[in-house]
Amino acid sequence: VVNDTATYLESTLATMAAYALREGIAGGVLEASRHAAMEQKARTAMYTQIAADGRLQLVSDATPVGARAVYATRPFGTFPWGQGPLLLALCQEVE
């Protein structure tokens, strides 16, 4: 939760944003002049969370709809909804 300091930082959205923004810019759907800086910030955030073994860290367990306390106490782990977007974003680096 962006505006709640009681919740944790989570890396999946930054990773998905990095991938999607770069795809949008490359595909001509998004203007680079408007979105490139945001894409770079998201990608930088993503890189800070790649562990030495290649896993994306700070990926939370599934976050069901519910009270803030339910969201704020999700455990972290290696989940496909974090690792998949990381692989896609990293593939963009070698294209």
Protein backbone atom coordinates (compact mmCIF):
# COMPACT_ATOMS: atom_id res chain seq x y z
CA VAL A 1 0.00 0.00 0.00
CA VAL A 2 1.82 3.04 -1.29
CA ASN A 3 0.55 5.51 1.27
CA ASP A 4 0.77 3.24 4.33
CA THR A 5 4.16 2.95 6.03
CA ALA A 6 2.91 -0.03 8.06
CA THR A 7 2.93 -2.17 4.91
CA TYR A 8 6.02 -3.62 3.24
CA LEU A 9 7.86 -2.93 0.02
CA GLU A 10 7.14 -5.52 -2.68
CA SER A 11 9.07 -5.92 -5.94
CA THR A 12 6.58 -7.52 -8.32
CA LEU A 13 4.82 -4.36 -9.49
CA ALA A 14 8.08 -2.54 -10.24
CA THR A 15 9.18 -5.55 -12.30
CA MET A 16 5.90 -5.72 -14.20
CA ALA A 17 5.99 -1.96 -14.80
CA ALA A 18 9.56 -2.11 -16.10
CA TYR A 19 8.58 -4.80 -18.58
CA ALA A 20 5.29 -3.22 -19.68
CA LEU A 21 6.67 0.29 -20.05
CA ARG A 22 9.58 -0.88 -22.19
CA GLU A 23 7.22 -2.94 -24.36
CA GLY A 24 4.89 0.03 -24.74
CA ILE A 25 7.73 2.34 -25.72
CA ALA A 26 9.22 -0.19 -28.15
CA GLY A 27 5.81 -0.82 -29.69
CA GLY A 28 5.10 2.88 -30.16
CA VAL A 29 2.11 2.84 -27.82
CA LEU A 30 3.85 5.00 -25.21
CA GLU A 31 5.95 8.10 -25.83
CA ALA A 32 9.54 7.60 -24.71
CA SER A 33 9.79 11.27 -23.76
CA ARG A 34 7.01 10.77 -21.23
CA HIS A 35 7.63 7.23 -19.98
CA ALA A 36 11.33 6.35 -20.32
CA ALA A 37 12.31 7.85 -16.95
CA MET A 38 9.56 5.91 -15.19
CA GLU A 39 10.63 2.71 -16.96
CA GLN A 40 14.23 3.26 -15.86
CA LYS A 41 13.21 3.88 -12.23
CA ALA A 42 11.14 0.69 -12.21
CA ARG A 43 13.99 -1.29 -13.79
CA THR A 44 16.49 0.08 -11.27
CA ALA A 45 14.17 -0.91 -8.41
CA MET A 46 13.83 -4.37 -9.96
CA TYR A 47 17.61 -4.83 -10.18
CA THR A 48 18.06 -4.00 -6.50
CA GLN A 49 15.92 -7.02 -5.62
CA ILE A 50 17.63 -9.71 -7.71
CA ALA A 51 19.36 -12.13 -5.34
CA ALA A 52 22.77 -13.66 -6.04
CA ASP A 53 21.04 -16.88 -7.17
CA GLY A 54 18.87 -14.96 -9.69
CA ARG A 55 15.57 -14.96 -7.79
CA LEU A 56 13.52 -11.81 -7.46
CA GLN A 57 13.31 -11.01 -3.76
CA LEU A 58 10.47 -9.28 -1.90
CA VAL A 59 7.75 -11.12 -3.81
CA SER A 60 4.75 -11.49 -1.55
CA ASP A 61 2.44 -14.44 -1.28
CA ALA A 62 -0.96 -14.03 -2.95
CA THR A 63 -2.77 -10.96 -1.66
CA PRO A 64 -6.46 -11.71 -1.31
CA VAL A 65 -8.96 -8.90 -1.06
CA GLY A 66 -9.48 -8.11 2.58
CA ALA A 67 -8.52 -5.88 5.44
CA ARG A 68 -5.21 -4.00 5.30
CA ALA A 69 -3.85 -6.24 8.07
CA VAL A 70 -4.34 -9.29 5.83
CA TYR A 71 -2.33 -7.65 3.07
CA ALA A 72 0.33 -6.26 5.40
CA THR A 73 1.21 -9.67 6.84
CA ARG A 74 1.71 -11.73 3.66
CA PRO A 75 4.93 -13.78 3.68
CA PHE A 76 7.61 -13.42 1.02
CA GLY A 77 8.85 -16.25 -1.17
CA THR A 78 9.69 -17.41 -4.67
CA PHE A 79 6.41 -17.17 -6.57
CA PRO A 80 5.77 -17.31 -10.34
CA TRP A 81 4.01 -13.93 -10.37
CA GLY A 82 7.35 -12.35 -9.48
CA GLN A 83 9.80 -14.62 -11.24
CA GLY A 84 7.94 -14.69 -14.58
CA PRO A 85 7.90 -10.89 -15.04
CA LEU A 86 11.58 -10.80 -14.03
CA LEU A 87 12.46 -13.25 -16.81
CA LEU A 88 10.46 -11.24 -19.32
CA ALA A 89 12.11 -7.98 -18.28
CA LEU A 90 15.57 -9.51 -18.40
CA CYS A 91 14.89 -10.91 -21.89
CA GLN A 92 14.32 -7.34 -23.06
CA GLU A 93 17.93 -6.59 -22.15
CA VAL A 94 19.29 -8.99 -24.79
CA GLU A 95 16.99 -8.19 -27.67
